[in-house]
Amino acid sequence: MSGWLLILALLLLGGVLSTLGDRLGSKVGKARLSLLGMRPRRTAVLITVLTGSLISGISLGLMLLVSDRLRTGLFELDQIERRLKESREALNRSQVLLESSRTAVRTAEQGRLQARNQLTRVEGQARRLRGELAPLIQQRRQLELERDRLNGDINAKDADLRRNQNELARLNNRIAAGSKELQTLETNLIALRRGDVVITAGQPLEIAKVRIDNGNQAKPVIEALLRQANSNVYQLVLPGQAPNRQILLVPRSDINRLEQVLRRRGEWVVSVISVANVLKGERQVVAFPDVRPNKRVVKAGDVLASTALEADETSPEQVRSRLNLLLAAAFNRVKQQGSLTSGLQFDPSALNQLGASLSNRPPGQAVQLEVIARQSSDLAEPVAVELRIRR
């Protein structure tokens, strides 16, 4: 129903109800009715008021019944206004957020443009750097190859250095052993010069190289070896006397073992060795036999020992001491290799000339010295050597 029809209906309804109320009030007044103990006049007024209130109530009820908008506006107006207010606030916030979003979008667009420009610049710099790095990378590869080669050389040098250090340590040990043995020999030499000891403990009394082709040769060989050893002992202990008796004592058990060994075919080196020191004039010398297969202990050209004569070692005493230590180291090397020789054979005049030349060499010059075997030697053969300056 439209609003005009509703207004027209309310006017008609109000007129009808007003007429009815007036007539009802008039009848009540004329009838002089009384309600609740009131006077008739007041009762008529009350009836009139009730009739007006009824008219208003019916009118309002009809409007509410007929118009949904009126009902909504009357009962839900506050809620609608509150929702409207909230909607407006939400709209304002949305607008603020939209504006912020637009600002952020504009900022992001500017940042994107800046990033794109920066990316373009960076790409240009990257291309330029790639061009600059290409020769550097090639150079680095070459340097890495060179580094690997140098590392290999360094490792090889380190290995050589370790070998040299080990060889130096062995040489120092040999020199120490040779020095000790030289000291012992010097002590024995002093005793010999005093006439006290003519045979030292461990001294070979006779050394012979024999070749056994038949086991029956063993006994005659041993007898000849003992006779020669007894004769040598006579010359040392009782010089000038004829070897008319046996003063060399060798245990029978040792002789039996020696005979068992020599029954085998082959080339052997047999030596008779003194058990203890023997003084001049003694009447008995105890010894024991030693036998071992003959072998080559030194080859011609072998370097038996080497040392360095420092630049500041120029005095004759220093040179002579260094040469003696070098010979002692060479002799110790020969003994370690099994040689039974009692000393090294060398040319004393050549040694003196070498010592003189070393003492007169130019200042500040270090020299490497070597002891070289002049010829090959077996166990029982003497070892001939010569000293050289290593070039």
Protein backbone atom coordinates (compact mmCIF):
# COMPACT_ATOMS: atom_id res chain seq x y z
CA MET A 1 0.00 0.00 0.00
CA SER A 2 1.28 3.47 -0.90
CA GLY A 3 1.78 6.23 1.66
CA TRP A 4 -1.06 8.37 0.40
CA LEU A 5 -3.58 5.55 0.76
CA LEU A 6 -2.31 4.91 4.28
CA ILE A 7 -2.72 8.56 5.23
CA LEU A 8 -6.23 8.62 3.73
CA ALA A 9 -7.19 5.51 5.62
CA LEU A 10 -5.87 6.97 8.87
CA LEU A 11 -7.85 10.18 8.36
CA LEU A 12 -11.06 8.28 7.68
CA LEU A 13 -10.46 5.93 10.57
CA GLY A 14 -9.68 8.85 12.89
CA GLY A 15 -12.85 10.68 11.84
CA VAL A 16 -15.01 7.61 12.37
CA LEU A 17 -13.48 6.83 15.73
CA SER A 18 -13.67 10.49 16.83
CA THR A 19 -17.38 10.60 15.93
CA LEU A 20 -17.98 7.36 17.78
CA GLY A 21 -16.08 8.60 20.81
CA ASP A 22 -17.93 11.90 20.86
CA ARG A 23 -21.29 10.21 20.64
CA LEU A 24 -20.26 7.73 23.31
CA GLY A 25 -19.12 10.57 25.56
CA SER A 26 -22.34 12.48 24.94
CA LYS A 27 -24.44 9.45 25.78
CA VAL A 28 -22.43 8.79 28.90
CA GLY A 29 -22.82 12.46 29.91
CA LYS A 30 -26.50 12.46 29.24
CA ALA A 31 -26.93 9.19 31.01
CA ARG A 32 -24.97 10.65 33.89
CA LEU A 33 -22.99 7.38 34.31
CA SER A 34 -20.40 7.09 37.02
CA LEU A 35 -17.34 4.83 36.97
CA LEU A 36 -15.19 4.08 39.95
CA GLY A 37 -17.13 6.51 42.05
CA MET A 38 -16.30 9.49 39.89
CA ARG A 39 -18.71 12.23 38.97
CA PRO A 40 -20.55 11.83 35.69
CA ARG A 41 -18.71 14.73 34.11
CA ARG A 42 -15.33 13.26 34.94
CA THR A 43 -16.56 9.85 33.84
CA ALA A 44 -17.45 11.37 30.45
CA VAL A 45 -13.99 12.93 30.23
CA LEU A 46 -12.42 9.60 31.03
CA ILE A 47 -14.47 7.91 28.37
CA THR A 48 -13.42 10.55 25.89
CA VAL A 49 -9.72 10.10 26.82
CA LEU A 50 -9.96 6.35 26.51
CA THR A 51 -11.68 6.73 23.17
CA GLY A 52 -8.85 9.02 21.91
CA SER A 53 -6.24 6.64 23.20
CA LEU A 54 -8.01 3.78 21.46
CA ILE A 55 -8.10 5.81 18.26
CA SER A 56 -4.36 6.47 18.53
CA GLY A 57 -3.62 2.84 19.35
CA ILE A 58 -5.74 1.51 16.53
CA SER A 59 -4.19 3.99 14.14
CA LEU A 60 -0.66 3.06 15.21
CA GLY A 61 -1.44 -0.65 15.11
CA LEU A 62 -2.94 -0.33 11.66
CA MET A 63 0.11 1.56 10.44
CA LEU A 64 2.47 -0.98 11.92
CA LEU A 65 0.42 -3.84 10.51
CA VAL A 66 0.22 -2.35 7.07
CA SER A 67 3.75 -0.77 6.67
CA ASP A 68 6.92 -2.84 6.97
CA ARG A 69 9.03 0.29 6.67
CA LEU A 70 7.23 1.87 9.62
CA ARG A 71 7.77 -1.19 11.76
CA THR A 72 11.44 -1.26 10.74
CA GLY A 73 11.87 2.46 11.34
CA LEU A 74 10.10 2.33 14.71
CA PHE A 75 11.73 -0.77 16.22
CA GLU A 76 15.05 -1.09 14.35
CA LEU A 77 15.96 2.55 13.77
CA ASP A 78 18.68 2.67 16.43
CA GLN A 79 20.19 -0.56 15.20
CA ILE A 80 19.99 0.63 11.64
CA GLU A 81 21.63 3.93 12.60
CA ARG A 82 24.35 2.06 14.48
CA ARG A 83 24.93 -0.23 11.48
CA LEU A 84 24.92 2.79 9.26
CA LYS A 85 27.48 4.47 11.47
CA GLU A 86 29.63 1.35 11.52
CA SER A 87 29.25 1.01 7.77
CA ARG A 88 30.32 4.62 7.33
CA GLU A 89 33.31 4.06 9.61
CA ALA A 90 34.14 0.86 7.74
CA LEU A 91 33.75 2.77 4.51
CA ASN A 92 36.08 5.45 5.79
CA ARG A 93 38.59 2.83 6.87
CA SER A 94 38.22 1.11 3.52
CA GLN A 95 38.82 4.38 1.79
CA VAL A 96 41.88 5.00 3.98
CA LEU A 97 43.13 1.50 3.25
CA LEU A 98 42.34 1.95 -0.42
CA GLU A 99 44.27 5.18 -0.41
CA SER A 100 47.11 3.49 1.45
CA SER A 101 46.99 0.62 -1.01
CA ARG A 102 47.06 3.05 -3.91
CA THR A 103 50.00 4.82 -2.29
CA ALA A 104 51.72 1.48 -1.69
CA VAL A 105 51.00 0.45 -5.27
CA ARG A 106 52.44 3.72 -6.54
CA THR A 107 55.45 3.24 -4.24
CA ALA A 108 55.83 -0.38 -5.38
CA GLU A 109 55.57 0.71 -8.99
CA GLN A 110 58.24 3.31 -8.40
CA GLY A 111 60.36 0.70 -6.58
CA ARG A 112 59.79 -1.74 -9.44
CA LEU A 113 60.91 0.87 -11.91
CA GLN A 114 63.92 1.68 -9.76
CA ALA A 115 64.67 -2.06 -9.35
CA ARG A 116 64.34 -2.53 -13.11
CA ASN A 117 66.71 0.35 -13.71
CA GLN A 118 69.09 -0.98 -11.08
CA LEU A 119 68.81 -4.46 -12.57
CA THR A 120 69.69 -3.04 -15.95
CA ARG A 121 72.71 -1.29 -14.45
CA VAL A 122 73.73 -4.44 -12.56
CA GLU A 123 73.41 -6.56 -15.68
CA GLY A 124 75.62 -4.09 -17.50
CA GLN A 125 78.15 -4.19 -14.67
CA ALA A 126 77.95 -8.00 -14.64
CA ARG A 127 78.70 -8.17 -18.36
CA ARG A 128 81.58 -5.80 -17.89
CA LEU A 129 82.91 -7.78 -14.92
CA ARG A 130 82.58 -11.03 -16.86
CA GLY A 131 84.69 -9.52 -19.57
CA GLU A 132 87.25 -8.40 -16.99
CA LEU A 133 87.17 -11.71 -15.10
CA ALA A 134 87.70 -13.93 -18.15
CA PRO A 135 91.48 -13.26 -18.40
CA LEU A 136 91.77 -13.36 -14.59
CA ILE A 137 90.12 -16.79 -14.50
CA GLN A 138 92.48 -18.01 -17.19
CA GLN A 139 95.41 -16.59 -15.21
CA ARG A 140 94.13 -18.25 -12.04
CA ARG A 141 93.99 -21.61 -13.82
CA GLN A 142 97.54 -21.15 -14.98
CA LEU A 143 98.59 -20.19 -11.45
CA GLU A 144 96.83 -23.25 -10.03
CA LEU A 145 98.68 -25.47 -12.49
CA GLU A 146 101.90 -23.76 -11.52
CA ARG A 147 101.01 -24.17 -7.85
CA ASP A 148 100.38 -27.90 -8.32
CA ARG A 149 103.68 -28.26 -10.10
CA LEU A 150 105.49 -26.33 -7.36
CA ASN A 151 103.76 -28.44 -4.71
CA GLY A 152 105.02 -31.56 -6.47
CA ASP A 153 108.52 -30.08 -6.57
CA ILE A 154 108.28 -29.11 -2.91
CA ASN A 155 107.13 -32.60 -1.96
CA ALA A 156 110.00 -34.07 -3.93
CA LYS A 157 112.42 -31.65 -2.26
CA ASP A 158 110.95 -32.51 1.15
CA ALA A 159 111.42 -36.20 0.42
CA ASP A 160 115.03 -35.52 -0.64
CA LEU A 161 115.52 -33.42 2.49
CA ARG A 162 114.16 -36.20 4.69
CA ARG A 163 116.40 -38.73 2.96
CA ASN A 164 119.38 -36.42 3.43
CA GLN A 165 118.49 -35.91 7.08
CA ASN A 166 118.17 -39.66 7.62
CA GLU A 167 121.45 -40.22 5.83
CA LEU A 168 123.04 -37.47 7.94
CA ALA A 169 121.68 -39.07 11.12
CA ARG A 170 123.07 -42.46 10.07
CA LEU A 171 126.36 -40.84 9.20
CA ASN A 172 126.47 -39.09 12.58
CA ASN A 173 125.81 -42.42 14.28
CA ARG A 174 128.55 -44.00 12.24
CA ILE A 175 130.90 -41.15 13.08
CA ALA A 176 130.04 -41.49 16.77
CA ALA A 177 130.62 -45.24 16.63
CA GLY A 178 133.82 -44.69 14.67
CA SER A 179 134.99 -42.09 17.17
CA LYS A 180 134.33 -44.48 20.01
CA GLU A 181 136.12 -47.26 18.21
CA LEU A 182 138.95 -44.88 17.37
CA GLN A 183 139.22 -43.94 21.02
CA THR A 184 139.35 -47.61 21.94
CA LEU A 185 142.01 -48.17 19.30
CA GLU A 186 144.00 -45.20 20.58
CA THR A 187 143.74 -46.57 24.13
CA ASN A 188 144.92 -49.94 22.93
CA LEU A 189 147.68 -48.25 20.93
CA ILE A 190 148.86 -46.44 24.05
CA ALA A 191 148.86 -49.71 25.92
CA LEU A 192 150.79 -51.36 23.12
CA ARG A 193 153.35 -48.59 23.17
CA ARG A 194 153.80 -49.10 26.90
CA GLY A 195 154.37 -52.78 26.22
CA ASP A 196 151.41 -53.98 28.26
CA VAL A 197 148.80 -55.39 25.82
CA VAL A 198 149.91 -57.13 22.67
CA ILE A 199 146.56 -58.75 21.77
CA THR A 200 143.21 -57.10 22.42
CA ALA A 201 139.88 -58.79 23.01
CA GLY A 202 138.12 -59.47 19.69
CA GLN A 203 141.33 -59.09 17.66
CA PRO A 204 141.56 -61.53 14.72
CA LEU A 205 144.64 -63.72 15.10
CA GLU A 206 144.35 -65.29 11.67
CA ILE A 207 141.91 -64.81 8.78
CA ALA A 208 141.79 -67.17 5.85
CA LYS A 209 139.58 -67.50 2.81
CA VAL A 210 139.09 -71.16 1.90
CA ARG A 211 137.21 -72.96 -0.82
CA ILE A 212 135.72 -76.32 0.08
CA ASP A 213 134.92 -78.67 -2.78
CA ASN A 214 134.97 -81.85 -0.69
CA GLY A 215 133.92 -82.37 2.94
CA ASN A 216 137.17 -84.21 3.65
CA GLN A 217 139.07 -80.92 3.17
CA ALA A 218 137.59 -79.46 6.35
CA LYS A 219 139.92 -81.05 8.92
CA PRO A 220 143.24 -80.28 7.12
CA VAL A 221 142.11 -76.71 6.55
CA ILE A 222 141.31 -76.24 10.24
CA GLU A 223 144.64 -77.71 11.34
CA ALA A 224 146.58 -75.43 8.97
CA LEU A 225 144.58 -72.42 10.16
CA LEU A 226 145.30 -73.19 13.85
CA ARG A 227 149.02 -73.71 13.17
CA GLN A 228 149.24 -70.36 11.40
CA ALA A 229 147.27 -68.65 14.20
CA ASN A 230 149.56 -70.20 16.84
CA SER A 231 152.60 -68.95 14.90
CA ASN A 232 151.13 -65.45 14.77
CA VAL A 233 150.43 -65.52 18.52
CA TYR A 234 154.05 -66.53 19.18
CA GLN A 235 155.31 -63.54 17.23
CA LEU A 236 153.07 -61.21 19.23
CA VAL A 237 153.33 -62.65 22.74
CA LEU A 238 156.76 -64.28 22.70
CA PRO A 239 158.65 -62.42 19.97
CA GLY A 240 161.94 -64.04 18.90
CA GLN A 241 161.00 -67.50 20.16
CA ALA A 242 160.35 -70.44 17.88
CA PRO A 243 156.73 -71.69 17.88
CA ASN A 244 157.64 -75.09 19.29
CA ARG A 245 154.50 -75.66 21.34
CA GLN A 246 150.77 -74.88 21.26
CA ILE A 247 149.97 -71.74 23.29
CA LEU A 248 146.77 -70.97 21.36
CA LEU A 249 143.82 -72.66 23.10
CA VAL A 250 140.57 -73.15 21.17
CA PRO A 251 137.70 -75.15 22.75
CA ARG A 252 137.21 -78.57 21.17
CA SER A 253 133.45 -77.98 20.87
CA ASP A 254 134.09 -74.83 18.77
CA ILE A 255 136.45 -76.78 16.52
CA ASN A 256 133.84 -79.50 16.02
CA ARG A 257 131.20 -76.96 15.05
CA LEU A 258 133.66 -75.31 12.66
CA GLU A 259 134.39 -78.68 11.06
CA GLN A 260 130.67 -79.39 10.58
CA VAL A 261 130.23 -76.06 8.79
CA LEU A 262 133.24 -76.51 6.55
CA ARG A 263 132.04 -79.91 5.38
CA ARG A 264 129.57 -78.04 3.17
CA ARG A 265 130.81 -76.99 -0.23
CA GLY A 266 131.41 -73.33 -0.89
CA GLU A 267 133.75 -70.42 -0.29
CA TRP A 268 134.19 -69.54 3.38
CA VAL A 269 136.04 -66.99 5.47
CA VAL A 270 137.40 -68.44 8.70
CA SER A 271 138.98 -66.34 11.43
CA VAL A 272 140.46 -67.07 14.83
CA ILE A 273 139.56 -64.33 17.31
CA SER A 274 141.08 -63.59 20.71
CA VAL A 275 138.73 -63.88 23.67
CA ALA A 276 140.48 -61.36 25.96
CA ASN A 277 143.39 -58.95 26.12
CA VAL A 278 146.78 -60.66 26.23
CA LEU A 279 149.93 -59.19 27.77
CA LYS A 280 153.37 -59.66 26.37
CA GLY A 281 155.05 -62.79 27.78
CA GLU A 282 151.89 -64.73 28.63
CA ARG A 283 151.95 -68.44 27.97
CA GLN A 284 148.35 -69.05 26.94
CA VAL A 285 146.00 -67.28 24.54
CA VAL A 286 142.32 -68.33 24.45
CA ALA A 287 140.49 -67.83 21.15
CA PHE A 288 137.41 -69.00 19.29
CA PRO A 289 136.80 -69.62 15.57
CA ASP A 290 134.37 -67.67 13.42
CA VAL A 291 133.17 -68.83 10.02
CA ARG A 292 130.88 -67.14 7.51
CA PRO A 293 130.19 -67.49 3.78
CA ASN A 294 132.40 -65.28 1.72
CA LYS A 295 130.69 -62.35 0.04
CA ARG A 296 131.45 -59.07 -1.64
CA VAL A 297 131.30 -56.25 0.93
CA VAL A 298 132.67 -53.35 -1.11
CA LYS A 299 132.47 -52.62 -4.82
CA ALA A 300 134.87 -50.40 -6.68
CA GLY A 301 133.61 -46.83 -6.73
CA ASP A 302 131.36 -47.18 -3.66
CA VAL A 303 131.07 -44.03 -1.54
CA LEU A 304 131.86 -45.29 1.96
CA ALA A 305 131.52 -41.97 3.79
CA SER A 306 131.12 -38.26 3.08
CA THR A 307 131.33 -35.06 5.06
CA ALA A 308 131.38 -31.30 4.62
CA LEU A 309 134.39 -29.20 5.48
CA GLU A 310 132.91 -25.87 6.51
CA ALA A 311 134.19 -22.57 5.19
CA ASP A 312 135.70 -21.59 8.55
CA GLU A 313 137.61 -24.88 8.99
CA THR A 314 140.94 -23.92 7.42
CA SER A 315 143.56 -24.66 10.06
CA PRO A 316 145.67 -27.82 9.59
CA GLU A 317 144.41 -29.24 12.90
CA GLN A 318 140.77 -28.82 11.89
CA VAL A 319 141.40 -30.31 8.45
CA ARG A 320 143.34 -33.27 9.89
CA SER A 321 140.62 -33.92 12.48
CA ARG A 322 137.92 -33.84 9.80
CA LEU A 323 139.90 -36.25 7.58
CA ASN A 324 140.48 -38.65 10.49
CA LEU A 325 136.76 -38.64 11.32
CA LEU A 326 135.93 -39.27 7.68
CA LEU A 327 138.28 -42.26 7.55
CA ALA A 328 136.85 -43.54 10.83
CA ALA A 329 133.31 -43.28 9.41
CA ALA A 330 134.39 -45.15 6.27
CA PHE A 331 136.05 -47.89 8.35
CA ASN A 332 132.93 -48.20 10.50
CA ARG A 333 130.83 -48.51 7.33
CA VAL A 334 133.10 -51.28 6.07
CA LYS A 335 132.87 -53.13 9.38
CA GLN A 336 129.09 -52.83 9.41
CA GLN A 337 128.99 -54.39 5.97
CA GLY A 338 130.84 -57.39 7.37
CA SER A 339 134.46 -56.80 6.38
CA LEU A 340 137.04 -58.48 8.61
CA THR A 341 139.85 -56.11 7.71
CA SER A 342 141.71 -54.44 10.56
CA GLY A 343 142.04 -51.11 8.80
CA LEU A 344 141.78 -49.17 5.56
CA GLN A 345 144.52 -48.98 2.97
CA PHE A 346 145.23 -45.54 1.55
CA ASP A 347 148.11 -43.45 0.22
CA PRO A 348 149.50 -41.35 3.14
CA SER A 349 151.29 -38.92 0.82
CA ALA A 350 148.12 -38.29 -1.16
CA LEU A 351 146.27 -37.74 2.13
CA ASN A 352 148.89 -35.22 3.26
CA GLN A 353 148.72 -33.38 -0.06
CA LEU A 354 144.92 -33.26 0.19
CA GLY A 355 145.15 -31.90 3.73
CA ALA A 356 147.61 -29.22 2.66
CA SER A 357 145.44 -28.14 -0.30
CA LEU A 358 142.38 -27.96 1.93
CA SER A 359 144.22 -25.83 4.47
CA ASN A 360 145.33 -23.42 1.73
CA ARG A 361 141.99 -23.18 -0.08
CA PRO A 362 140.42 -19.72 -0.65
CA PRO A 363 138.61 -18.22 2.38
CA GLY A 364 134.86 -18.75 2.65
CA GLN A 365 134.83 -21.92 0.53
CA ALA A 366 133.07 -25.03 1.85
CA VAL A 367 134.17 -28.42 0.49
CA GLN A 368 132.41 -31.80 0.26
CA LEU A 369 134.71 -34.75 0.91
CA GLU A 370 134.15 -38.43 0.08
CA VAL A 371 135.89 -41.74 0.76
CA ILE A 372 135.75 -43.93 -2.37
CA ALA A 373 136.59 -47.64 -2.60
CA ARG A 374 139.34 -48.10 -5.16
CA GLN A 375 138.59 -51.77 -5.80
CA SER A 376 136.12 -54.48 -4.90
CA SER A 377 136.82 -56.41 -1.69
CA ASP A 378 135.48 -59.56 -0.07
CA LEU A 379 135.15 -60.29 3.64
CA ALA A 380 138.78 -61.22 4.25
CA GLU A 381 140.40 -58.85 1.76
CA PRO A 382 141.81 -55.45 2.70
CA VAL A 383 139.81 -52.40 1.65
CA ALA A 384 141.74 -49.84 -0.37
CA VAL A 385 140.28 -46.33 -0.43
CA GLU A 386 141.05 -42.83 -1.56
CA LEU A 387 139.78 -39.43 -0.47
CA ARG A 388 138.30 -37.11 -3.05
CA ILE A 389 136.74 -33.68 -3.23
CA ARG A 390 133.22 -34.01 -4.56
CA ARG A 391 132.73 -31.70 -7.51
